[in-house]
């Protein structure tokens, strides 16, 4: 039992040091998008805001989704790092349960456990609100992204999406904006 406490505290320290959002207790279970249609979700999305993560260090972040095979969505995440290089990672996502198509699981490395990617809200053409959470026994790590089909999103829409998160008990005060300035992000379009 003592070894598990040490492992838990070590993991908690690593996540906290990386600015990852970590809270005590189990993951919240927010409502997801009703009648989610993955085929309408395909294409490019720009990251507008996010909860900080240990695996995203850049700006100008985008996610591009494509149909990989029936029921499987290809994922390409890209970001511009401080040194001017583009960091990209590919993976795949699929619904764990076809009856809940908005509750996707995404995998980036062979053999690694999938991460949750729940679409809480989308109109498919303008915005998307994504939430993910991983339980670690006594605590959980949260992930959230506000995405747009364009590099900008109205403050009114951002506030509506923040309200969805807040009503599910998810803190929005740690959401950080992502730079999507056309000049700054020009390397992403080459």
N, C-alpha and C. Protein backbone atom coordinates (compact mmCIF):
# COMPACT_ATOMS: atom_id res chain seq x y z
N UNK A 1 0.82 -1.19 0.00
CA UNK A 1 0.00 0.00 0.00
C UNK A 1 0.87 1.26 0.00
N UNK A 2 1.95 1.25 0.76
CA UNK A 2 2.83 2.41 0.84
C UNK A 2 3.45 2.72 -0.53
N UNK A 3 3.84 1.68 -1.28
CA UNK A 3 4.41 1.89 -2.62
C UNK A 3 3.41 2.57 -3.53
N UNK A 4 2.14 2.20 -3.45
CA UNK A 4 1.11 2.82 -4.28
C UNK A 4 0.96 4.30 -3.94
N UNK A 5 1.05 4.64 -2.65
CA UNK A 5 0.96 6.05 -2.24
C UNK A 5 2.13 6.85 -2.81
N UNK A 6 3.32 6.28 -2.80
CA UNK A 6 4.50 6.96 -3.34
C UNK A 6 4.34 7.16 -4.84
N UNK A 7 3.89 6.12 -5.55
CA UNK A 7 3.67 6.23 -7.00
C UNK A 7 2.62 7.30 -7.28
N UNK A 8 1.52 7.29 -6.54
CA UNK A 8 0.45 8.26 -6.73
C UNK A 8 0.97 9.68 -6.50
N UNK A 9 1.70 9.90 -5.42
CA UNK A 9 2.23 11.23 -5.12
C UNK A 9 3.25 11.66 -6.18
N UNK A 10 4.08 10.74 -6.65
CA UNK A 10 5.05 11.06 -7.69
C UNK A 10 4.34 11.47 -8.98
N UNK A 11 3.34 10.70 -9.39
CA UNK A 11 2.59 11.02 -10.60
C UNK A 11 1.87 12.36 -10.45
N UNK A 12 1.28 12.59 -9.31
CA UNK A 12 0.60 13.85 -9.04
C UNK A 12 1.59 15.02 -9.14
N UNK A 13 2.78 14.85 -8.59
CA UNK A 13 3.81 15.90 -8.65
C UNK A 13 4.24 16.19 -10.08
N UNK A 14 4.43 15.15 -10.87
CA UNK A 14 4.83 15.31 -12.28
C UNK A 14 3.75 16.06 -13.05
N UNK A 15 2.50 15.64 -12.89
CA UNK A 15 1.41 16.29 -13.60
C UNK A 15 1.25 17.74 -13.17
N UNK A 16 1.32 18.00 -11.88
CA UNK A 16 1.17 19.36 -11.37
C UNK A 16 2.31 20.25 -11.86
N UNK A 17 3.54 19.73 -11.89
CA UNK A 17 4.68 20.51 -12.34
C UNK A 17 4.57 20.87 -13.82
N UNK A 18 3.85 20.08 -14.58
CA UNK A 18 3.70 20.35 -16.01
C UNK A 18 2.52 21.25 -16.31
N UNK A 19 1.86 21.78 -15.29
CA UNK A 19 0.70 22.66 -15.39
C UNK A 19 -0.56 21.90 -15.81
N UNK A 20 -0.48 20.58 -15.85
CA UNK A 20 -1.65 19.76 -16.13
C UNK A 20 -2.70 20.03 -15.04
N UNK A 21 -3.97 20.10 -15.43
CA UNK A 21 -5.04 20.33 -14.45
C UNK A 21 -5.36 19.01 -13.76
N UNK A 22 -5.10 18.98 -12.46
CA UNK A 22 -5.29 17.79 -11.65
C UNK A 22 -6.22 18.16 -10.49
N UNK A 23 -7.21 17.30 -10.22
CA UNK A 23 -8.15 17.52 -9.12
C UNK A 23 -8.34 16.22 -8.36
N UNK A 24 -8.71 16.34 -7.10
CA UNK A 24 -9.00 15.15 -6.30
C UNK A 24 -10.36 14.59 -6.68
N UNK A 25 -10.53 13.30 -6.48
CA UNK A 25 -11.79 12.63 -6.76
C UNK A 25 -11.83 12.03 -8.15
N UNK A 26 -12.98 11.50 -8.48
CA UNK A 26 -13.20 10.85 -9.78
C UNK A 26 -13.51 11.88 -10.87
N UNK A 27 -13.37 11.47 -12.11
CA UNK A 27 -13.67 12.34 -13.25
C UNK A 27 -15.16 12.71 -13.28
N UNK A 28 -15.47 13.96 -13.62
CA UNK A 28 -16.86 14.33 -13.87
C UNK A 28 -17.38 13.56 -15.08
N UNK A 29 -18.68 13.43 -15.18
CA UNK A 29 -19.30 12.73 -16.30
C UNK A 29 -20.26 13.68 -17.02
N UNK A 30 -19.73 14.67 -17.76
CA UNK A 30 -20.61 15.63 -18.42
C UNK A 30 -21.42 15.00 -19.55
N UNK A 31 -22.54 15.63 -19.85
CA UNK A 31 -23.36 15.19 -20.99
C UNK A 31 -22.59 15.47 -22.27
N UNK A 32 -22.78 14.60 -23.26
CA UNK A 32 -22.10 14.77 -24.54
C UNK A 32 -23.10 15.16 -25.63
N UNK A 33 -22.57 15.50 -26.78
CA UNK A 33 -23.38 15.92 -27.93
C UNK A 33 -24.35 14.80 -28.31
N UNK A 34 -25.62 15.14 -28.37
CA UNK A 34 -26.64 14.17 -28.78
C UNK A 34 -26.50 13.90 -30.28
N UNK A 35 -26.71 12.67 -30.68
CA UNK A 35 -26.70 12.28 -32.10
C UNK A 35 -25.43 12.73 -32.82
N UNK A 36 -24.29 12.56 -32.18
CA UNK A 36 -23.02 12.97 -32.78
C UNK A 36 -22.78 12.23 -34.08
N UNK A 37 -22.36 12.97 -35.11
CA UNK A 37 -22.10 12.42 -36.44
C UNK A 37 -20.64 12.66 -36.79
N UNK A 38 -19.81 11.65 -36.62
CA UNK A 38 -18.37 11.79 -36.85
C UNK A 38 -18.06 12.23 -38.27
N UNK A 39 -18.86 11.82 -39.25
CA UNK A 39 -18.57 12.20 -40.64
C UNK A 39 -18.68 13.72 -40.84
N UNK A 40 -19.55 14.37 -40.09
CA UNK A 40 -19.69 15.84 -40.19
C UNK A 40 -18.58 16.56 -39.41
N UNK A 41 -17.89 15.84 -38.54
CA UNK A 41 -16.85 16.40 -37.69
C UNK A 41 -15.48 16.42 -38.39
N UNK A 42 -15.36 15.65 -39.47
CA UNK A 42 -14.09 15.53 -40.19
C UNK A 42 -13.63 16.89 -40.71
N UNK A 43 -12.32 17.02 -40.90
CA UNK A 43 -11.75 18.26 -41.42
C UNK A 43 -10.86 18.92 -40.39
N UNK A 44 -10.52 20.17 -40.66
CA UNK A 44 -9.56 20.91 -39.83
C UNK A 44 -10.27 21.75 -38.78
N UNK A 45 -9.71 21.71 -37.55
CA UNK A 45 -10.18 22.52 -36.43
C UNK A 45 -8.99 23.27 -35.85
N UNK A 46 -9.23 24.53 -35.47
CA UNK A 46 -8.22 25.36 -34.82
C UNK A 46 -8.49 25.39 -33.33
N UNK A 47 -7.43 25.25 -32.56
CA UNK A 47 -7.56 25.33 -31.10
C UNK A 47 -7.66 26.80 -30.69
N UNK A 48 -8.71 27.14 -29.95
CA UNK A 48 -8.93 28.50 -29.48
C UNK A 48 -8.50 28.64 -28.02
N UNK A 49 -8.88 27.67 -27.19
CA UNK A 49 -8.50 27.64 -25.78
C UNK A 49 -8.32 26.19 -25.37
N UNK A 50 -7.57 25.99 -24.28
CA UNK A 50 -7.37 24.64 -23.77
C UNK A 50 -7.04 24.69 -22.28
N UNK A 51 -7.28 23.58 -21.62
CA UNK A 51 -6.70 23.38 -20.31
C UNK A 51 -5.25 22.97 -20.58
N UNK A 52 -4.28 23.53 -19.87
CA UNK A 52 -2.88 23.18 -20.13
C UNK A 52 -2.65 21.66 -19.99
N UNK A 53 -1.78 21.15 -20.85
CA UNK A 53 -1.45 19.72 -20.83
C UNK A 53 0.06 19.54 -20.82
N UNK A 54 0.49 18.38 -20.38
CA UNK A 54 1.92 18.09 -20.37
C UNK A 54 2.44 17.76 -21.76
N UNK A 55 1.55 17.45 -22.70
CA UNK A 55 1.98 17.02 -24.02
C UNK A 55 1.84 18.08 -25.10
N UNK A 56 1.29 19.24 -24.80
CA UNK A 56 1.18 20.33 -25.77
C UNK A 56 2.01 21.49 -25.28
N UNK A 57 2.99 21.89 -26.05
CA UNK A 57 3.90 22.97 -25.65
C UNK A 57 3.87 24.16 -26.60
N UNK A 58 3.21 24.03 -27.75
CA UNK A 58 3.29 25.07 -28.77
C UNK A 58 2.04 25.92 -28.88
N UNK A 59 2.01 26.70 -29.94
CA UNK A 59 0.89 27.57 -30.28
C UNK A 59 0.40 27.19 -31.68
N UNK A 60 -0.59 27.92 -32.18
CA UNK A 60 -1.11 27.71 -33.54
C UNK A 60 -1.64 26.28 -33.73
N UNK A 61 -2.08 25.66 -32.66
CA UNK A 61 -2.46 24.25 -32.69
C UNK A 61 -3.69 23.99 -33.56
N UNK A 62 -3.61 22.91 -34.32
CA UNK A 62 -4.74 22.46 -35.14
C UNK A 62 -4.92 20.96 -34.96
N UNK A 63 -6.13 20.53 -35.24
CA UNK A 63 -6.44 19.10 -35.27
C UNK A 63 -7.17 18.85 -36.58
N UNK A 64 -6.71 17.87 -37.32
CA UNK A 64 -7.35 17.51 -38.59
C UNK A 64 -7.81 16.06 -38.49
N UNK A 65 -9.09 15.87 -38.76
CA UNK A 65 -9.71 14.55 -38.65
C UNK A 65 -10.10 14.05 -40.03
N UNK A 66 -9.84 12.78 -40.27
CA UNK A 66 -10.16 12.16 -41.56
C UNK A 66 -10.73 10.76 -41.30
N UNK A 67 -11.43 10.24 -42.28
CA UNK A 67 -11.97 8.88 -42.15
C UNK A 67 -10.85 7.90 -42.47
N UNK A 68 -10.46 7.12 -41.49
CA UNK A 68 -9.38 6.15 -41.65
C UNK A 68 -9.92 4.82 -42.16
N UNK A 69 -11.02 4.39 -41.57
CA UNK A 69 -11.73 3.18 -41.98
C UNK A 69 -13.11 3.27 -41.34
N UNK A 70 -14.05 2.41 -41.70
CA UNK A 70 -15.39 2.51 -41.11
C UNK A 70 -15.33 2.51 -39.58
N UNK A 71 -15.84 3.58 -38.99
CA UNK A 71 -15.88 3.70 -37.54
C UNK A 71 -14.60 4.18 -36.89
N UNK A 72 -13.56 4.43 -37.70
CA UNK A 72 -12.27 4.89 -37.16
C UNK A 72 -11.89 6.22 -37.81
N UNK A 73 -11.60 7.21 -36.96
CA UNK A 73 -11.22 8.54 -37.42
C UNK A 73 -9.71 8.71 -37.27
N UNK A 74 -9.06 9.15 -38.35
CA UNK A 74 -7.65 9.48 -38.29
C UNK A 74 -7.47 10.84 -37.64
N UNK A 75 -6.44 10.99 -36.84
CA UNK A 75 -6.18 12.23 -36.11
C UNK A 75 -4.78 12.73 -36.46
N UNK A 76 -4.69 14.02 -36.81
CA UNK A 76 -3.40 14.68 -37.01
C UNK A 76 -3.42 15.96 -36.20
N UNK A 77 -2.64 16.00 -35.12
CA UNK A 77 -2.51 17.20 -34.29
C UNK A 77 -1.18 17.86 -34.60
N UNK A 78 -1.22 19.18 -34.81
CA UNK A 78 0.00 19.92 -35.12
C UNK A 78 0.06 21.19 -34.29
N UNK A 79 1.30 21.62 -33.99
CA UNK A 79 1.52 22.85 -33.23
C UNK A 79 2.85 23.45 -33.65
N UNK A 80 2.98 24.77 -33.46
CA UNK A 80 4.21 25.48 -33.75
C UNK A 80 4.97 25.68 -32.45
N UNK A 81 6.19 25.15 -32.38
CA UNK A 81 7.01 25.27 -31.18
C UNK A 81 7.76 26.60 -31.16
N UNK A 82 8.27 26.98 -30.00
CA UNK A 82 8.97 28.26 -29.83
C UNK A 82 10.16 28.41 -30.77
N UNK A 83 10.80 27.30 -31.13
CA UNK A 83 11.98 27.38 -32.00
C UNK A 83 11.62 27.44 -33.49
N UNK A 84 10.31 27.54 -33.80
CA UNK A 84 9.86 27.67 -35.18
C UNK A 84 9.59 26.35 -35.88
N UNK A 85 9.82 25.23 -35.22
CA UNK A 85 9.54 23.93 -35.83
C UNK A 85 8.09 23.53 -35.57
N UNK A 86 7.60 22.70 -36.46
CA UNK A 86 6.24 22.19 -36.33
C UNK A 86 6.31 20.79 -35.71
N UNK A 87 5.56 20.61 -34.66
CA UNK A 87 5.47 19.32 -33.98
C UNK A 87 4.11 18.71 -34.34
N UNK A 88 4.11 17.50 -34.84
CA UNK A 88 2.87 16.82 -35.22
C UNK A 88 2.85 15.41 -34.67
N UNK A 89 1.65 14.92 -34.44
CA UNK A 89 1.46 13.55 -34.00
C UNK A 89 0.20 13.01 -34.67
N UNK A 90 0.24 11.73 -35.07
CA UNK A 90 -0.92 11.10 -35.68
C UNK A 90 -1.46 10.01 -34.77
N UNK A 91 -2.72 9.77 -34.89
CA UNK A 91 -3.36 8.73 -34.10
C UNK A 91 -4.69 8.36 -34.71
N UNK A 92 -5.50 7.68 -33.92
CA UNK A 92 -6.83 7.30 -34.39
C UNK A 92 -7.80 7.37 -33.23
N UNK A 93 -9.06 7.58 -33.58
CA UNK A 93 -10.11 7.69 -32.57
C UNK A 93 -11.30 6.87 -33.02
N UNK A 94 -11.98 6.29 -32.03
CA UNK A 94 -13.21 5.57 -32.34
C UNK A 94 -14.07 5.55 -31.09
N UNK A 95 -15.37 5.39 -31.30
CA UNK A 95 -16.30 5.32 -30.18
C UNK A 95 -16.15 3.96 -29.51
N UNK A 96 -16.00 3.97 -28.19
CA UNK A 96 -15.90 2.71 -27.45
C UNK A 96 -17.21 1.95 -27.54
N UNK A 97 -18.32 2.71 -27.49
CA UNK A 97 -19.66 2.14 -27.55
C UNK A 97 -20.43 2.85 -28.67
N UNK A 98 -20.82 2.15 -29.74
CA UNK A 98 -21.53 2.80 -30.84
C UNK A 98 -22.82 3.52 -30.41
N UNK A 99 -23.37 3.14 -29.26
CA UNK A 99 -24.57 3.81 -28.77
C UNK A 99 -24.25 5.19 -28.21
N UNK A 100 -22.96 5.47 -27.96
CA UNK A 100 -22.52 6.78 -27.47
C UNK A 100 -21.41 7.30 -28.39
N UNK A 101 -21.76 7.69 -29.63
CA UNK A 101 -20.74 8.05 -30.62
C UNK A 101 -19.94 9.30 -30.29
N UNK A 102 -20.40 10.16 -29.37
CA UNK A 102 -19.65 11.37 -29.00
C UNK A 102 -18.59 11.08 -27.95
N UNK A 103 -18.58 9.86 -27.41
CA UNK A 103 -17.56 9.46 -26.43
C UNK A 103 -16.50 8.64 -27.15
N UNK A 104 -15.53 9.37 -27.69
CA UNK A 104 -14.46 8.73 -28.45
C UNK A 104 -13.27 8.41 -27.56
N UNK A 105 -12.50 7.45 -28.00
CA UNK A 105 -11.21 7.14 -27.37
C UNK A 105 -10.15 7.35 -28.44
N UNK A 106 -9.10 8.07 -28.07
CA UNK A 106 -8.04 8.38 -29.04
C UNK A 106 -6.74 7.71 -28.58
N UNK A 107 -6.03 7.14 -29.56
CA UNK A 107 -4.76 6.47 -29.30
C UNK A 107 -3.72 7.04 -30.24
N UNK A 108 -2.53 7.34 -29.70
CA UNK A 108 -1.46 7.89 -30.52
C UNK A 108 -0.28 6.94 -30.67
N UNK A 109 -0.12 6.02 -29.75
CA UNK A 109 1.01 5.10 -29.81
C UNK A 109 0.50 3.67 -29.68
N UNK A 110 1.03 2.79 -30.49
CA UNK A 110 0.69 1.36 -30.43
C UNK A 110 0.90 0.84 -29.01
N UNK A 111 -0.12 0.22 -28.48
CA UNK A 111 -0.02 -0.38 -27.15
C UNK A 111 -0.27 0.57 -25.99
N UNK A 112 -0.38 1.87 -26.27
CA UNK A 112 -0.64 2.81 -25.18
C UNK A 112 -2.14 2.83 -24.87
N UNK A 113 -2.49 3.12 -23.62
CA UNK A 113 -3.91 3.17 -23.28
C UNK A 113 -4.57 4.35 -23.99
N UNK A 114 -5.81 4.19 -24.42
CA UNK A 114 -6.49 5.30 -25.09
C UNK A 114 -6.85 6.41 -24.12
N UNK A 115 -6.95 7.62 -24.65
CA UNK A 115 -7.41 8.76 -23.87
C UNK A 115 -8.83 9.10 -24.27
N UNK A 116 -9.59 9.64 -23.33
CA UNK A 116 -10.97 10.00 -23.65
C UNK A 116 -11.01 11.31 -24.42
N UNK A 117 -11.89 11.35 -25.40
CA UNK A 117 -12.12 12.53 -26.24
C UNK A 117 -13.63 12.62 -26.41
N UNK A 118 -14.27 13.34 -25.50
CA UNK A 118 -15.72 13.45 -25.51
C UNK A 118 -16.13 14.78 -26.12
N UNK A 119 -16.94 14.72 -27.16
CA UNK A 119 -17.46 15.93 -27.78
C UNK A 119 -18.71 16.35 -27.00
N UNK A 120 -18.56 17.43 -26.23
CA UNK A 120 -19.68 17.90 -25.41
C UNK A 120 -20.65 18.75 -26.22
N UNK A 121 -20.11 19.49 -27.19
CA UNK A 121 -20.95 20.36 -28.01
C UNK A 121 -20.25 20.64 -29.33
N UNK A 122 -21.00 20.59 -30.40
CA UNK A 122 -20.48 21.02 -31.70
C UNK A 122 -21.65 21.39 -32.60
N UNK A 123 -21.42 22.37 -33.47
CA UNK A 123 -22.38 22.65 -34.54
C UNK A 123 -21.78 22.20 -35.88
N UNK A 124 -20.63 21.54 -35.82
CA UNK A 124 -19.90 20.96 -36.95
C UNK A 124 -19.28 21.98 -37.88
N UNK A 125 -19.85 23.17 -37.98
CA UNK A 125 -19.38 24.17 -38.94
C UNK A 125 -18.66 25.34 -38.30
N UNK A 126 -18.78 25.49 -36.97
CA UNK A 126 -18.19 26.65 -36.32
C UNK A 126 -17.39 26.32 -35.09
N UNK A 127 -17.97 25.56 -34.16
CA UNK A 127 -17.29 25.32 -32.88
C UNK A 127 -17.39 23.86 -32.44
N UNK A 128 -16.49 23.52 -31.53
CA UNK A 128 -16.53 22.23 -30.87
C UNK A 128 -15.97 22.39 -29.46
N UNK A 129 -16.58 21.71 -28.51
CA UNK A 129 -16.10 21.68 -27.14
C UNK A 129 -15.79 20.23 -26.80
N UNK A 130 -14.53 19.98 -26.46
CA UNK A 130 -14.06 18.62 -26.20
C UNK A 130 -13.59 18.52 -24.75
N UNK A 131 -13.88 17.38 -24.13
CA UNK A 131 -13.45 17.14 -22.76
C UNK A 131 -12.88 15.73 -22.65
N UNK A 132 -11.85 15.61 -21.88
CA UNK A 132 -11.27 14.31 -21.59
C UNK A 132 -10.81 14.29 -20.14
N UNK A 133 -10.78 13.11 -19.57
CA UNK A 133 -10.39 12.99 -18.17
C UNK A 133 -9.83 11.59 -17.94
N UNK A 134 -8.80 11.51 -17.10
CA UNK A 134 -8.21 10.23 -16.75
C UNK A 134 -8.18 10.10 -15.24
N UNK A 135 -8.77 9.02 -14.73
CA UNK A 135 -8.77 8.75 -13.29
C UNK A 135 -7.46 8.11 -12.88
N UNK A 136 -6.92 8.55 -11.75
CA UNK A 136 -5.70 7.97 -11.16
C UNK A 136 -5.96 7.59 -9.70
N UNK A 137 -7.11 6.99 -9.43
CA UNK A 137 -7.43 6.59 -8.06
C UNK A 137 -7.97 7.73 -7.25
N UNK A 138 -7.10 8.39 -6.49
CA UNK A 138 -7.54 9.47 -5.61
C UNK A 138 -7.71 10.80 -6.33
N UNK A 139 -7.20 10.91 -7.55
CA UNK A 139 -7.30 12.17 -8.28
C UNK A 139 -7.51 11.89 -9.76
N UNK A 140 -7.77 12.96 -10.51
CA UNK A 140 -7.96 12.82 -11.95
C UNK A 140 -7.28 13.99 -12.67
N UNK A 141 -6.89 13.75 -13.92
CA UNK A 141 -6.30 14.78 -14.78
C UNK A 141 -7.33 15.13 -15.85
N UNK A 142 -7.56 16.43 -16.02
CA UNK A 142 -8.57 16.90 -16.97
C UNK A 142 -7.94 17.54 -18.20
N UNK A 143 -8.64 17.40 -19.31
CA UNK A 143 -8.25 17.97 -20.59
C UNK A 143 -9.50 18.61 -21.19
N UNK A 144 -9.34 19.76 -21.81
CA UNK A 144 -10.47 20.35 -22.52
C UNK A 144 -9.95 21.27 -23.60
N UNK A 145 -10.65 21.28 -24.71
CA UNK A 145 -10.28 22.13 -25.83
C UNK A 145 -11.54 22.80 -26.39
N UNK A 146 -11.41 24.08 -26.67
CA UNK A 146 -12.43 24.80 -27.44
C UNK A 146 -11.83 24.95 -28.83
N UNK A 147 -12.54 24.43 -29.82
CA UNK A 147 -12.06 24.41 -31.20
C UNK A 147 -12.98 25.20 -32.10
N UNK A 148 -12.42 25.66 -33.22
CA UNK A 148 -13.20 26.42 -34.21
C UNK A 148 -12.76 26.01 -35.61
N UNK A 149 -13.64 26.14 -36.56
CA UNK A 149 -13.28 25.86 -37.96
C UNK A 149 -12.40 26.97 -38.52
N UNK A 150 -12.38 28.13 -37.85
CA UNK A 150 -11.54 29.27 -38.25
C UNK A 150 -10.58 29.58 -37.10
N UNK A 151 -9.55 30.36 -37.35
CA UNK A 151 -8.59 30.68 -36.28
C UNK A 151 -9.16 31.57 -35.16
N UNK A 152 -10.39 32.00 -35.29
CA UNK A 152 -11.01 32.84 -34.27
C UNK A 152 -12.39 32.27 -33.93
N UNK A 153 -12.91 32.70 -32.80
CA UNK A 153 -14.25 32.30 -32.37
C UNK A 153 -14.80 33.45 -31.54
N UNK A 154 -16.06 33.77 -31.73
CA UNK A 154 -16.64 34.91 -31.02
C UNK A 154 -16.59 34.68 -29.51
N UNK A 155 -16.42 35.76 -28.77
CA UNK A 155 -16.38 35.69 -27.31
C UNK A 155 -17.71 35.15 -26.78
N UNK A 156 -18.80 35.47 -27.46
CA UNK A 156 -20.12 34.97 -27.05
C UNK A 156 -20.16 33.44 -27.10
N UNK A 157 -19.63 32.86 -28.17
CA UNK A 157 -19.60 31.40 -28.30
C UNK A 157 -18.68 30.79 -27.25
N UNK A 158 -17.52 31.41 -27.03
CA UNK A 158 -16.59 30.92 -26.01
C UNK A 158 -17.28 30.91 -24.65
N UNK A 159 -18.01 31.96 -24.33
CA UNK A 159 -18.72 32.03 -23.04
C UNK A 159 -19.79 30.94 -22.94
N UNK A 160 -20.50 30.67 -24.03
CA UNK A 160 -21.50 29.59 -24.04
C UNK A 160 -20.83 28.24 -23.75
N UNK A 161 -19.68 28.01 -24.36
CA UNK A 161 -18.97 26.75 -24.17
C UNK A 161 -18.39 26.67 -22.75
N UNK A 162 -17.89 27.79 -22.24
CA UNK A 162 -17.44 27.84 -20.84
C UNK A 162 -18.58 27.47 -19.90
N UNK A 163 -19.77 27.94 -20.21
CA UNK A 163 -20.94 27.67 -19.37
C UNK A 163 -21.26 26.17 -19.33
N UNK A 164 -21.08 25.49 -20.45
CA UNK A 164 -21.31 24.04 -20.50
C UNK A 164 -20.33 23.34 -19.56
N UNK A 165 -19.06 23.74 -19.63
CA UNK A 165 -18.05 23.14 -18.75
C UNK A 165 -18.37 23.42 -17.28
N UNK A 166 -18.67 24.67 -16.98
CA UNK A 166 -18.96 25.07 -15.59
C UNK A 166 -20.14 24.31 -15.03
N UNK A 167 -21.18 24.15 -15.82
CA UNK A 167 -22.39 23.46 -15.34
C UNK A 167 -22.12 21.97 -15.06
N UNK A 168 -21.03 21.43 -15.66
CA UNK A 168 -20.65 20.04 -15.41
C UNK A 168 -19.64 19.93 -14.27
N UNK A 169 -19.34 21.06 -13.61
CA UNK A 169 -18.40 21.05 -12.51
C UNK A 169 -16.94 21.10 -12.94
N UNK A 170 -16.70 21.54 -14.17
CA UNK A 170 -15.34 21.62 -14.70
C UNK A 170 -14.90 23.08 -14.66
N UNK A 171 -13.80 23.34 -14.00
CA UNK A 171 -13.32 24.71 -13.82
C UNK A 171 -12.81 25.28 -15.14
N UNK A 172 -13.29 26.48 -15.47
CA UNK A 172 -12.85 27.14 -16.71
C UNK A 172 -11.79 28.20 -16.45
N UNK A 173 -11.49 28.48 -15.18
CA UNK A 173 -10.54 29.55 -14.88
C UNK A 173 -9.11 29.21 -15.28
N UNK A 174 -8.83 27.95 -15.57
CA UNK A 174 -7.48 27.56 -15.99
C UNK A 174 -7.36 27.40 -17.51
N UNK A 175 -8.44 27.64 -18.25
CA UNK A 175 -8.35 27.60 -19.71
C UNK A 175 -7.42 28.71 -20.18
N UNK A 176 -6.54 28.38 -21.11
CA UNK A 176 -5.60 29.37 -21.65
C UNK A 176 -5.84 29.53 -23.15
N UNK A 177 -5.73 30.77 -23.65
CA UNK A 177 -5.92 30.98 -25.08
C UNK A 177 -4.73 30.46 -25.88
N UNK A 178 -4.99 30.04 -27.09
CA UNK A 178 -3.95 29.58 -28.01
C UNK A 178 -3.74 30.66 -29.05
N UNK A 179 -2.49 31.02 -29.29
CA UNK A 179 -2.19 32.02 -30.32
C UNK A 179 -2.56 31.43 -31.67
N UNK A 180 -3.37 32.17 -32.44
CA UNK A 180 -3.72 31.78 -33.80
C UNK A 180 -3.51 32.94 -34.77
N UNK A 181 -2.64 33.87 -34.40
CA UNK A 181 -2.35 35.03 -35.22
C UNK A 181 -1.80 34.59 -36.58
N UNK A 182 -2.35 35.15 -37.65
CA UNK A 182 -2.01 34.72 -39.02
C UNK A 182 -0.51 34.85 -39.29
N UNK A 183 0.11 35.96 -38.89
CA UNK A 183 1.54 36.17 -39.14
C UNK A 183 2.37 35.21 -38.29
N UNK A 184 2.08 35.15 -37.00
CA UNK A 184 2.83 34.29 -36.10
C UNK A 184 2.75 32.82 -36.53
N UNK A 185 1.57 32.41 -37.00
CA UNK A 185 1.32 31.01 -37.35
C UNK A 185 1.61 30.70 -38.83
N UNK A 186 2.21 31.61 -39.56
CA UNK A 186 2.39 31.42 -41.01
C UNK A 186 3.16 30.15 -41.36
N UNK A 187 4.07 29.71 -40.51
CA UNK A 187 4.84 28.49 -40.79
C UNK A 187 3.93 27.26 -40.84
N UNK A 188 2.79 27.34 -40.18
CA UNK A 188 1.85 26.19 -40.17
C UNK A 188 1.15 26.03 -41.53
N UNK A 189 1.18 27.07 -42.35
CA UNK A 189 0.46 27.05 -43.63
C UNK A 189 1.38 26.84 -44.82
N UNK A 190 2.62 26.44 -44.58
CA UNK A 190 3.55 26.24 -45.70
C UNK A 190 3.56 24.81 -46.17
